[in-house]
Amino acid sequence: MAQQSNKKIKRRRRADYLKRKKEQAKLGGILSKATVKKAAKKANAPAETKPAAKKAVKKVAKKAAKKAVKKAPAKKAAKKVAKKAAETDKTSEG
């Protein structure tokens, strides 16, 4: 009995082969594989979406940094209050 995976691999390889041949035909006939791959990458490349993504990431990072800065003083104040409370407890006991 034949393996099912072989059938899937064969179909995938055939589809890839046909895609490469179609790209070659668009570019004008017989070309090397490297040329076809380069053309395919250019065709599939997203058009100028990377800078927008970087800007969005920077905005999120800035917001996170601002939140961290705002939280830091609050933590220090809370620690001071806790410390004073602990000191007053020790002095009232002793």
Protein backbone atom coordinates (compact mmCIF):
# COMPACT_ATOMS: atom_id res chain seq x y z
CA MET A 1 0.00 0.00 0.00
CA ALA A 2 1.40 3.41 -0.98
CA GLN A 3 1.93 6.12 1.59
CA GLN A 4 -0.53 9.00 1.60
CA SER A 5 2.27 11.50 2.21
CA ASN A 6 3.92 10.62 -1.11
CA LYS A 7 0.73 11.60 -2.93
CA LYS A 8 0.67 14.97 -1.15
CA ILE A 9 4.34 15.62 -1.84
CA LYS A 10 3.90 14.80 -5.52
CA ARG A 11 0.94 17.16 -5.81
CA ARG A 12 2.82 19.96 -4.06
CA ARG A 13 5.90 19.50 -6.24
CA ARG A 14 3.76 19.46 -9.38
CA ALA A 15 1.98 22.67 -8.33
CA ASP A 16 5.33 24.36 -7.62
CA TYR A 17 6.66 23.21 -10.99
CA LEU A 18 3.65 24.60 -12.83
CA LYS A 19 3.96 27.89 -10.93
CA ARG A 20 7.62 28.19 -11.94
CA LYS A 21 6.79 27.46 -15.57
CA LYS A 22 4.04 30.09 -15.53
CA GLU A 23 6.50 32.67 -14.17
CA GLN A 24 9.01 31.74 -16.87
CA ALA A 25 6.38 32.21 -19.54
CA LYS A 26 5.54 35.66 -18.18
CA LEU A 27 9.20 36.66 -18.29
CA GLY A 28 9.58 35.53 -21.87
CA GLY A 29 10.49 31.90 -22.22
CA ILE A 30 13.53 29.93 -21.11
CA LEU A 31 15.29 31.52 -18.12
CA SER A 32 17.36 30.27 -15.22
CA LYS A 33 15.75 29.30 -11.93
CA ALA A 34 17.47 32.16 -10.12
CA THR A 35 15.91 34.74 -12.43
CA VAL A 36 12.46 33.27 -11.95
CA LYS A 37 12.88 33.18 -8.16
CA LYS A 38 13.95 36.84 -8.08
CA ALA A 39 10.96 37.85 -10.18
CA ALA A 40 8.62 35.83 -7.97
CA LYS A 41 10.00 37.47 -4.83
CA LYS A 42 9.51 40.93 -6.30
CA ALA A 43 5.95 40.05 -7.28
CA ASN A 44 5.12 38.68 -3.82
CA ALA A 45 6.91 41.43 -1.86
CA PRO A 46 4.61 43.77 0.05
CA ALA A 47 4.79 47.34 -1.20
CA GLU A 48 6.21 49.65 1.49
CA THR A 49 4.45 48.12 4.48
CA LYS A 50 7.56 47.75 6.60
CA PRO A 51 8.01 51.45 7.51
CA ALA A 52 4.40 51.68 8.64
CA ALA A 53 4.83 48.60 10.81
CA LYS A 54 7.99 50.05 12.36
CA LYS A 55 6.19 53.31 13.16
CA ALA A 56 3.38 51.40 14.86
CA VAL A 57 5.88 49.42 16.93
CA LYS A 58 7.67 52.61 17.95
CA LYS A 59 4.39 54.21 19.05
CA VAL A 60 3.54 51.19 21.19
CA ALA A 61 7.03 51.22 22.70
CA LYS A 62 6.75 54.91 23.54
CA LYS A 63 3.40 54.39 25.24
CA ALA A 64 4.79 51.50 27.26
CA ALA A 65 7.80 53.60 28.29
CA LYS A 66 5.52 56.44 29.42
CA LYS A 67 3.42 54.05 31.47
CA ALA A 68 6.54 52.62 33.09
CA VAL A 69 7.74 56.11 33.97
CA LYS A 70 4.38 56.96 35.51
CA LYS A 71 4.27 53.74 37.51
CA ALA A 72 7.80 54.05 38.91
CA PRO A 73 7.13 57.08 41.18
CA ALA A 74 3.94 55.46 42.44
CA LYS A 75 5.88 52.35 43.43
CA LYS A 76 8.48 54.43 45.26
CA ALA A 77 5.77 56.34 47.13
CA ALA A 78 4.07 53.10 48.10
CA LYS A 79 7.35 51.69 49.39
CA LYS A 80 7.96 54.82 51.46
CA VAL A 81 4.49 54.61 53.01
CA ALA A 82 4.99 50.93 53.79
CA LYS A 83 8.38 51.64 55.33
CA LYS A 84 6.99 54.44 57.52
CA ALA A 85 4.12 52.22 58.61
CA ALA A 86 6.55 49.46 59.56
CA GLU A 87 8.69 51.93 61.52
CA THR A 88 5.71 53.33 63.40
CA ASP A 89 4.60 49.79 64.27
CA LYS A 90 8.07 49.02 65.69
CA THR A 91 8.21 52.26 67.70
CA SER A 92 4.69 51.82 69.07
CA GLU A 93 5.46 48.26 70.19
CA GLY A 94 8.78 49.05 71.82
